[in-house]
Structures are given as C-alpha cells and as structure tokens.
C-alpha cells in the first residue's frame, strides 16, 4: 500500500496570516501555483487560493497591499497525514472536489508537506483517473 509520504511534496512554501494579499499573489506567480498553505509558525491555520484572492479580496475592492492573508484565506481546510493511504486521500479529494491537500503532523497539526492530484498522477496513477473524474464533475451532477 502506497502512503501519502511516498508521493507528497516536502519543504512547502507557506504564508503567514499577517502577509499581504500582494505578497501571496507574488509567491503564487513565482512558484507557478494556485494555492498556498497559511501557517502560524509551523501550525497550519488555513489555505489561500487564487480564487480566494479574486472573490474575497479583489472583487470586494480590497487593496492587495494592505489586505492581510488571514482576512481572506479559507480556514475550513481538509488535511491528511503522511501515513494515510493514497487511495483513501484520493477518494476524499474526489468526494469534496479538491485538487490539493496539506499534509500535517497528527499530534502538532504542523505542516509537513502537500499532496496534489498531479503528485498522485505521476507517482500513483492507478486510482487517479477516478478521482479526477469526480473532482472535475459539476457539483450538482454528484447529487443525482
């Protein structure tokens, strides 16, 4: 059984809740990513996506240089643990239609990595097709 620690990305860049939305956008641009974990020290406290920036900040007319990440980040974050099976996490990703999941230490809730659908596609292709189909399906078609 392959576990998340076999496929996750380690040494993840993260933001602080006190960083500005501008800093977050610059980091996303520099790393060519669409989501960044937000940590208070090493403890995961949220995730910030390019969509969060667009919908919660830019569309609301907030100034990117003065708006704090903590004011627009998502705080209800799905996480996983390094010892979980890849199949279990893939199924959860498909169920809630997400493409990336922070990996946290079970005891301290500190960020130890991140796993994306892309990581799994490269390193664990067997179950990825099913999860991708579920993630890509319109949300209302899942209720039928």
N, C-alpha and C. Protein backbone atom coordinates (compact mmCIF):
# COMPACT_ATOMS: atom_id res chain seq x y z
N UNK A 1 0.84 -1.18 0.00
CA UNK A 1 0.00 0.00 0.00
C UNK A 1 0.89 1.25 0.00
N UNK A 2 0.64 2.10 -0.95
CA UNK A 2 1.40 3.35 -1.03
C UNK A 2 0.76 4.40 -0.13
N UNK A 3 1.60 5.13 0.59
CA UNK A 3 1.09 6.14 1.52
C UNK A 3 1.41 7.54 1.01
N UNK A 4 0.79 8.52 1.63
CA UNK A 4 0.96 9.92 1.24
C UNK A 4 2.42 10.33 1.33
N UNK A 5 3.15 9.84 2.33
CA UNK A 5 4.55 10.22 2.44
C UNK A 5 5.37 9.79 1.23
N UNK A 6 4.89 8.81 0.47
CA UNK A 6 5.59 8.35 -0.73
C UNK A 6 5.40 9.29 -1.91
N UNK A 7 4.36 10.11 -1.89
CA UNK A 7 4.05 10.95 -3.05
C UNK A 7 4.01 12.44 -2.76
N UNK A 8 4.01 12.83 -1.48
CA UNK A 8 3.84 14.24 -1.14
C UNK A 8 5.07 15.07 -1.48
N UNK A 9 4.84 16.37 -1.59
CA UNK A 9 5.92 17.34 -1.76
C UNK A 9 6.28 17.84 -0.37
N UNK A 10 7.57 17.83 -0.08
CA UNK A 10 8.05 18.31 1.22
C UNK A 10 8.60 19.73 1.05
N UNK A 11 9.00 20.36 2.12
CA UNK A 11 9.57 21.72 2.08
C UNK A 11 8.65 22.69 1.35
N UNK A 12 7.41 22.72 1.78
CA UNK A 12 6.39 23.55 1.15
C UNK A 12 6.55 25.01 1.57
N UNK A 13 6.47 25.91 0.61
CA UNK A 13 6.45 27.34 0.92
C UNK A 13 5.08 27.66 1.49
N UNK A 14 5.04 28.54 2.47
CA UNK A 14 3.77 28.91 3.06
C UNK A 14 3.77 30.39 3.41
N UNK A 15 2.58 30.89 3.71
CA UNK A 15 2.38 32.28 4.09
C UNK A 15 2.00 32.37 5.55
N UNK A 16 2.12 33.56 6.09
CA UNK A 16 1.65 33.88 7.42
C UNK A 16 0.30 34.60 7.28
N UNK A 17 -0.58 34.49 8.26
CA UNK A 17 -1.83 35.25 8.18
C UNK A 17 -1.60 36.76 8.09
N UNK A 18 -0.44 37.22 8.54
CA UNK A 18 -0.13 38.65 8.51
C UNK A 18 0.46 39.12 7.18
N UNK A 19 0.83 38.19 6.29
CA UNK A 19 1.32 38.58 4.96
C UNK A 19 0.21 39.28 4.20
N UNK A 20 0.59 40.11 3.25
CA UNK A 20 -0.41 40.80 2.43
C UNK A 20 -0.86 39.92 1.27
N UNK A 21 -2.02 40.24 0.74
CA UNK A 21 -2.53 39.55 -0.43
C UNK A 21 -1.57 39.76 -1.61
N UNK A 22 -0.96 40.94 -1.69
CA UNK A 22 0.02 41.18 -2.76
C UNK A 22 1.18 40.19 -2.63
N UNK A 23 1.70 40.00 -1.43
CA UNK A 23 2.80 39.05 -1.21
C UNK A 23 2.36 37.65 -1.61
N UNK A 24 1.14 37.29 -1.28
CA UNK A 24 0.61 35.97 -1.63
C UNK A 24 0.56 35.80 -3.15
N UNK A 25 0.05 36.80 -3.84
CA UNK A 25 -0.04 36.74 -5.30
C UNK A 25 1.35 36.65 -5.93
N UNK A 26 2.30 37.38 -5.39
CA UNK A 26 3.67 37.32 -5.90
C UNK A 26 4.27 35.93 -5.71
N UNK A 27 4.03 35.32 -4.53
CA UNK A 27 4.53 33.98 -4.27
C UNK A 27 3.90 32.98 -5.23
N UNK A 28 2.59 33.09 -5.44
CA UNK A 28 1.91 32.20 -6.38
C UNK A 28 2.49 32.35 -7.79
N UNK A 29 2.74 33.57 -8.18
CA UNK A 29 3.32 33.82 -9.50
C UNK A 29 4.72 33.22 -9.60
N UNK A 30 5.55 33.49 -8.60
CA UNK A 30 6.94 33.00 -8.61
C UNK A 30 7.01 31.48 -8.64
N UNK A 31 6.12 30.82 -7.91
CA UNK A 31 6.14 29.36 -7.83
C UNK A 31 5.22 28.69 -8.85
N UNK A 32 4.46 29.49 -9.60
CA UNK A 32 3.50 28.99 -10.58
C UNK A 32 2.53 28.00 -9.94
N UNK A 33 1.90 28.47 -8.84
CA UNK A 33 0.94 27.65 -8.10
C UNK A 33 -0.33 28.46 -7.87
N UNK A 34 -1.42 27.79 -7.54
CA UNK A 34 -2.69 28.46 -7.33
C UNK A 34 -3.21 28.39 -5.91
N UNK A 35 -2.42 27.78 -5.01
CA UNK A 35 -2.83 27.68 -3.61
C UNK A 35 -1.59 27.61 -2.73
N UNK A 36 -1.70 28.25 -1.57
CA UNK A 36 -0.58 28.29 -0.63
C UNK A 36 -1.11 28.02 0.78
N UNK A 37 -0.47 27.12 1.51
CA UNK A 37 -0.85 26.93 2.91
C UNK A 37 -0.54 28.20 3.72
N UNK A 38 -1.32 28.43 4.76
CA UNK A 38 -1.10 29.56 5.65
C UNK A 38 -0.82 28.98 7.04
N UNK A 39 0.32 29.37 7.60
CA UNK A 39 0.74 28.82 8.88
C UNK A 39 1.05 29.92 9.89
N UNK A 40 0.72 29.64 11.12
CA UNK A 40 1.11 30.46 12.26
C UNK A 40 2.28 29.71 12.88
N UNK A 41 3.49 30.14 12.62
CA UNK A 41 4.67 29.34 12.95
C UNK A 41 4.69 28.17 12.00
N UNK A 42 4.68 26.94 12.51
CA UNK A 42 4.59 25.76 11.66
C UNK A 42 3.19 25.16 11.63
N UNK A 43 2.26 25.72 12.44
CA UNK A 43 0.91 25.17 12.54
C UNK A 43 0.03 25.69 11.40
N UNK A 44 -0.58 24.77 10.67
CA UNK A 44 -1.48 25.12 9.58
C UNK A 44 -2.73 25.77 10.14
N UNK A 45 -3.07 26.96 9.61
CA UNK A 45 -4.28 27.66 10.05
C UNK A 45 -5.23 27.97 8.90
N UNK A 46 -4.80 27.71 7.67
CA UNK A 46 -5.67 27.98 6.53
C UNK A 46 -4.98 27.69 5.21
N UNK A 47 -5.71 27.95 4.14
CA UNK A 47 -5.19 27.86 2.78
C UNK A 47 -5.66 29.10 2.05
N UNK A 48 -4.83 29.60 1.17
CA UNK A 48 -5.20 30.72 0.33
C UNK A 48 -5.06 30.29 -1.11
N UNK A 49 -6.14 30.45 -1.87
CA UNK A 49 -6.12 30.10 -3.29
C UNK A 49 -6.22 31.36 -4.13
N UNK A 50 -5.89 31.22 -5.40
CA UNK A 50 -6.05 32.34 -6.31
C UNK A 50 -7.52 32.74 -6.38
N UNK A 51 -8.40 31.79 -6.21
CA UNK A 51 -9.84 32.09 -6.19
C UNK A 51 -10.22 32.90 -4.96
N UNK A 52 -9.64 32.58 -3.80
CA UNK A 52 -9.88 33.38 -2.59
C UNK A 52 -9.49 34.83 -2.83
N UNK A 53 -8.34 35.02 -3.45
CA UNK A 53 -7.87 36.38 -3.72
C UNK A 53 -8.85 37.10 -4.64
N UNK A 54 -9.27 36.42 -5.69
CA UNK A 54 -10.17 37.03 -6.67
C UNK A 54 -11.54 37.35 -6.08
N UNK A 55 -12.16 36.37 -5.44
CA UNK A 55 -13.53 36.51 -4.96
C UNK A 55 -13.62 37.30 -3.65
N UNK A 56 -12.79 36.96 -2.68
CA UNK A 56 -12.91 37.58 -1.35
C UNK A 56 -12.17 38.90 -1.21
N UNK A 57 -11.22 39.16 -2.08
CA UNK A 57 -10.43 40.37 -1.92
C UNK A 57 -10.60 41.33 -3.10
N UNK A 58 -10.19 40.92 -4.28
CA UNK A 58 -10.24 41.81 -5.43
C UNK A 58 -11.66 42.24 -5.77
N UNK A 59 -12.58 41.29 -5.86
CA UNK A 59 -13.96 41.62 -6.20
C UNK A 59 -14.63 42.47 -5.12
N UNK A 60 -14.13 42.39 -3.91
CA UNK A 60 -14.68 43.20 -2.81
C UNK A 60 -14.03 44.58 -2.75
N UNK A 61 -13.10 44.85 -3.66
CA UNK A 61 -12.46 46.16 -3.73
C UNK A 61 -11.37 46.38 -2.70
N UNK A 62 -10.85 45.31 -2.12
CA UNK A 62 -9.80 45.46 -1.12
C UNK A 62 -8.45 45.73 -1.78
N UNK A 63 -7.62 46.51 -1.12
CA UNK A 63 -6.29 46.84 -1.63
C UNK A 63 -5.33 45.69 -1.33
N UNK A 64 -4.69 45.12 -2.37
CA UNK A 64 -3.82 43.96 -2.15
C UNK A 64 -2.60 44.25 -1.28
N UNK A 65 -2.18 45.51 -1.25
CA UNK A 65 -1.01 45.85 -0.45
C UNK A 65 -1.29 46.00 1.03
N UNK A 66 -2.57 46.13 1.39
CA UNK A 66 -2.89 46.30 2.81
C UNK A 66 -3.82 45.22 3.36
N UNK A 67 -4.43 44.43 2.50
CA UNK A 67 -5.30 43.35 2.94
C UNK A 67 -4.45 42.17 3.40
N UNK A 68 -4.75 41.63 4.55
CA UNK A 68 -3.99 40.53 5.12
C UNK A 68 -4.53 39.18 4.64
N UNK A 69 -3.64 38.25 4.47
CA UNK A 69 -3.99 36.88 4.06
C UNK A 69 -5.01 36.29 5.03
N UNK A 70 -4.83 36.53 6.31
CA UNK A 70 -5.75 35.99 7.31
C UNK A 70 -7.19 36.45 7.15
N UNK A 71 -7.38 37.58 6.46
CA UNK A 71 -8.74 38.10 6.26
C UNK A 71 -9.47 37.45 5.09
N UNK A 72 -8.75 36.78 4.20
CA UNK A 72 -9.39 36.22 3.00
C UNK A 72 -9.13 34.73 2.81
N UNK A 73 -8.30 34.13 3.63
CA UNK A 73 -7.98 32.70 3.48
C UNK A 73 -9.16 31.82 3.86
N UNK A 74 -9.13 30.60 3.40
CA UNK A 74 -10.10 29.59 3.80
C UNK A 74 -9.58 28.93 5.07
N UNK A 75 -10.43 28.82 6.07
CA UNK A 75 -10.00 28.23 7.34
C UNK A 75 -10.50 26.81 7.53
N UNK A 76 -11.49 26.41 6.77
CA UNK A 76 -12.02 25.05 6.85
C UNK A 76 -11.25 24.20 5.84
N UNK A 77 -10.07 23.76 6.23
CA UNK A 77 -9.15 23.10 5.31
C UNK A 77 -9.14 21.59 5.54
N UNK A 78 -9.32 20.85 4.47
CA UNK A 78 -9.18 19.40 4.53
C UNK A 78 -7.69 19.08 4.58
N UNK A 79 -7.30 18.21 5.49
CA UNK A 79 -5.90 17.82 5.60
C UNK A 79 -5.80 16.30 5.57
N UNK A 80 -4.58 15.84 5.46
CA UNK A 80 -4.31 14.41 5.56
C UNK A 80 -3.02 14.23 6.35
N UNK A 81 -2.68 12.98 6.62
CA UNK A 81 -1.48 12.64 7.37
C UNK A 81 -0.57 11.79 6.50
N UNK A 82 0.71 11.88 6.74
CA UNK A 82 1.70 11.19 5.91
C UNK A 82 1.47 9.68 5.85
N UNK A 83 0.93 9.10 6.90
CA UNK A 83 0.74 7.66 6.94
C UNK A 83 -0.54 7.16 6.28
N UNK A 84 -1.41 8.07 5.86
CA UNK A 84 -2.67 7.64 5.21
C UNK A 84 -2.37 7.04 3.84
N UNK A 85 -3.26 6.16 3.42
CA UNK A 85 -3.07 5.55 2.10
C UNK A 85 -3.44 6.55 1.01
N UNK A 86 -2.74 6.43 -0.10
CA UNK A 86 -3.01 7.29 -1.25
C UNK A 86 -4.44 7.09 -1.72
N UNK A 87 -4.91 5.85 -1.75
CA UNK A 87 -6.27 5.59 -2.21
C UNK A 87 -7.32 6.28 -1.34
N UNK A 88 -7.11 6.27 -0.02
CA UNK A 88 -8.04 6.91 0.90
C UNK A 88 -8.10 8.42 0.64
N UNK A 89 -6.95 9.06 0.50
CA UNK A 89 -6.90 10.50 0.29
C UNK A 89 -7.46 10.86 -1.09
N UNK A 90 -7.15 10.06 -2.10
CA UNK A 90 -7.72 10.30 -3.43
C UNK A 90 -9.24 10.25 -3.39
N UNK A 91 -9.79 9.29 -2.67
CA UNK A 91 -11.25 9.19 -2.57
C UNK A 91 -11.83 10.43 -1.90
N UNK A 92 -11.18 10.91 -0.83
CA UNK A 92 -11.66 12.12 -0.16
C UNK A 92 -11.56 13.34 -1.07
N UNK A 93 -10.47 13.43 -1.84
CA UNK A 93 -10.31 14.55 -2.77
C UNK A 93 -11.44 14.55 -3.80
N UNK A 94 -11.78 13.37 -4.30
CA UNK A 94 -12.87 13.26 -5.25
C UNK A 94 -14.21 13.62 -4.64
N UNK A 95 -14.44 13.19 -3.42
CA UNK A 95 -15.71 13.46 -2.74
C UNK A 95 -15.96 14.94 -2.54
N UNK A 96 -14.92 15.69 -2.20
CA UNK A 96 -15.10 17.12 -1.91
C UNK A 96 -14.57 18.02 -3.02
N UNK A 97 -14.16 17.43 -4.13
CA UNK A 97 -13.73 18.14 -5.33
C UNK A 97 -12.59 19.13 -5.07
N UNK A 98 -11.50 18.62 -4.49
CA UNK A 98 -10.31 19.44 -4.30
C UNK A 98 -9.12 18.79 -4.99
N UNK A 99 -8.16 19.60 -5.36
CA UNK A 99 -7.01 19.13 -6.13
C UNK A 99 -5.72 19.05 -5.33
N UNK A 100 -5.73 19.62 -4.12
CA UNK A 100 -4.52 19.58 -3.30
C UNK A 100 -4.90 19.54 -1.83
N UNK A 101 -4.08 18.85 -1.04
CA UNK A 101 -4.37 18.68 0.38
C UNK A 101 -3.08 18.87 1.18
N UNK A 102 -3.09 19.76 2.17
CA UNK A 102 -1.92 19.88 3.05
C UNK A 102 -1.75 18.61 3.87
N UNK A 103 -0.50 18.24 4.09
CA UNK A 103 -0.18 17.09 4.92
C UNK A 103 0.33 17.63 6.26
N UNK A 104 -0.33 17.21 7.34
CA UNK A 104 0.04 17.72 8.66
C UNK A 104 0.43 16.59 9.59
N UNK A 105 1.24 16.93 10.58
CA UNK A 105 1.59 16.01 11.65
C UNK A 105 0.34 15.81 12.51
N UNK A 106 0.03 14.57 12.81
CA UNK A 106 -1.20 14.28 13.56
C UNK A 106 -1.23 14.92 14.93
N UNK A 107 -0.13 14.94 15.63
CA UNK A 107 -0.11 15.45 17.00
C UNK A 107 -0.07 16.97 17.06
N UNK A 108 0.80 17.58 16.28
CA UNK A 108 1.02 19.03 16.40
C UNK A 108 0.26 19.86 15.38
N UNK A 109 -0.31 19.22 14.38
CA UNK A 109 -1.01 19.90 13.28
C UNK A 109 -0.05 20.84 12.51
N UNK A 110 1.24 20.55 12.60
CA UNK A 110 2.21 21.35 11.85
C UNK A 110 2.29 20.83 10.41
N UNK A 111 2.54 21.74 9.51
CA UNK A 111 2.62 21.41 8.09
C UNK A 111 3.89 20.62 7.81
N UNK A 112 3.75 19.47 7.18
CA UNK A 112 4.92 18.66 6.82
C UNK A 112 5.04 18.46 5.31
N UNK A 113 4.00 18.84 4.57
CA UNK A 113 4.03 18.68 3.12
C UNK A 113 2.70 19.04 2.51
N UNK A 114 2.61 18.77 1.21
CA UNK A 114 1.36 18.96 0.49
C UNK A 114 1.30 17.89 -0.58
N UNK A 115 0.11 17.43 -0.87
CA UNK A 115 -0.06 16.44 -1.93
C UNK A 115 -1.11 16.96 -2.90
N UNK A 116 -0.80 16.86 -4.17
CA UNK A 116 -1.72 17.34 -5.19
C UNK A 116 -2.15 16.18 -6.08
N UNK A 117 -3.20 16.42 -6.81
CA UNK A 117 -3.64 15.42 -7.78
C UNK A 117 -2.52 15.12 -8.77
N UNK A 118 -1.76 16.16 -9.12
CA UNK A 118 -0.63 15.96 -10.03
C UNK A 118 0.43 15.05 -9.45
N UNK A 119 0.74 15.21 -8.15
CA UNK A 119 1.70 14.32 -7.49
C UNK A 119 1.24 12.87 -7.61
N UNK A 120 -0.04 12.67 -7.37
CA UNK A 120 -0.57 11.32 -7.39
C UNK A 120 -0.63 10.76 -8.81
N UNK A 121 -0.91 11.62 -9.77
CA UNK A 121 -0.96 11.16 -11.17
C UNK A 121 0.42 10.66 -11.62
N UNK A 122 1.44 11.34 -11.15
CA UNK A 122 2.81 10.97 -11.55
C UNK A 122 3.28 9.73 -10.80
N UNK A 123 2.98 9.66 -9.51
CA UNK A 123 3.55 8.61 -8.67
C UNK A 123 2.59 7.48 -8.30
N UNK A 124 1.30 7.64 -8.62
CA UNK A 124 0.30 6.64 -8.23
C UNK A 124 -0.86 6.71 -9.21
N UNK A 125 -0.65 6.32 -10.42
CA UNK A 125 -1.63 6.52 -11.48
C UNK A 125 -2.87 5.63 -11.38
N UNK A 126 -2.82 4.54 -10.68
CA UNK A 126 -3.92 3.58 -10.69
C UNK A 126 -5.28 4.17 -10.33
N UNK A 127 -5.38 4.91 -9.27
CA UNK A 127 -6.67 5.41 -8.81
C UNK A 127 -6.92 6.87 -9.17
N UNK A 128 -5.97 7.51 -9.79
CA UNK A 128 -6.09 8.94 -10.04
C UNK A 128 -7.18 9.26 -11.05
N UNK A 129 -7.38 8.42 -12.05
CA UNK A 129 -8.41 8.70 -13.06
C UNK A 129 -9.79 8.84 -12.46
N UNK A 130 -10.15 7.96 -11.53
CA UNK A 130 -11.46 8.02 -10.89
C UNK A 130 -11.60 9.31 -10.09
N UNK A 131 -10.58 9.66 -9.31
CA UNK A 131 -10.64 10.89 -8.50
C UNK A 131 -10.73 12.11 -9.39
N UNK A 132 -9.97 12.14 -10.48
CA UNK A 132 -10.01 13.28 -11.40
C UNK A 132 -11.41 13.44 -11.99
N UNK A 133 -12.04 12.34 -12.34
CA UNK A 133 -13.41 12.41 -12.85
C UNK A 133 -14.37 12.99 -11.84
N UNK A 134 -14.22 12.60 -10.57
CA UNK A 134 -15.09 13.11 -9.52
C UNK A 134 -14.81 14.58 -9.23
N UNK A 135 -13.54 14.96 -9.23
CA UNK A 135 -13.18 16.35 -8.96
C UNK A 135 -13.67 17.26 -10.08
N UNK A 136 -13.61 16.77 -11.31
CA UNK A 136 -13.98 17.58 -12.46
C UNK A 136 -15.47 17.62 -12.74
N UNK A 137 -16.24 16.72 -12.14
CA UNK A 137 -17.68 16.69 -12.37
C UNK A 137 -18.35 17.90 -11.74
N UNK A 138 -19.34 18.46 -12.41
CA UNK A 138 -20.09 19.57 -11.80
C UNK A 138 -20.68 19.11 -10.47
N UNK A 139 -20.69 19.99 -9.50
CA UNK A 139 -21.14 19.63 -8.15
C UNK A 139 -22.57 19.13 -8.14
N UNK A 140 -23.46 19.71 -8.97
CA UNK A 140 -24.86 19.28 -8.93
C UNK A 140 -25.07 17.92 -9.56
N UNK A 141 -24.14 17.46 -10.42
CA UNK A 141 -24.32 16.14 -11.02
C UNK A 141 -23.97 15.05 -10.04
N UNK A 142 -23.22 15.37 -8.98
CA UNK A 142 -22.85 14.38 -7.96
C UNK A 142 -24.05 14.06 -7.08
N UNK A 143 -25.00 14.98 -6.98
CA UNK A 143 -26.17 14.77 -6.11
C UNK A 143 -27.19 13.84 -6.74
N UNK A 144 -27.09 13.60 -8.01
CA UNK A 144 -28.09 12.77 -8.70
C UNK A 144 -27.92 11.31 -8.41
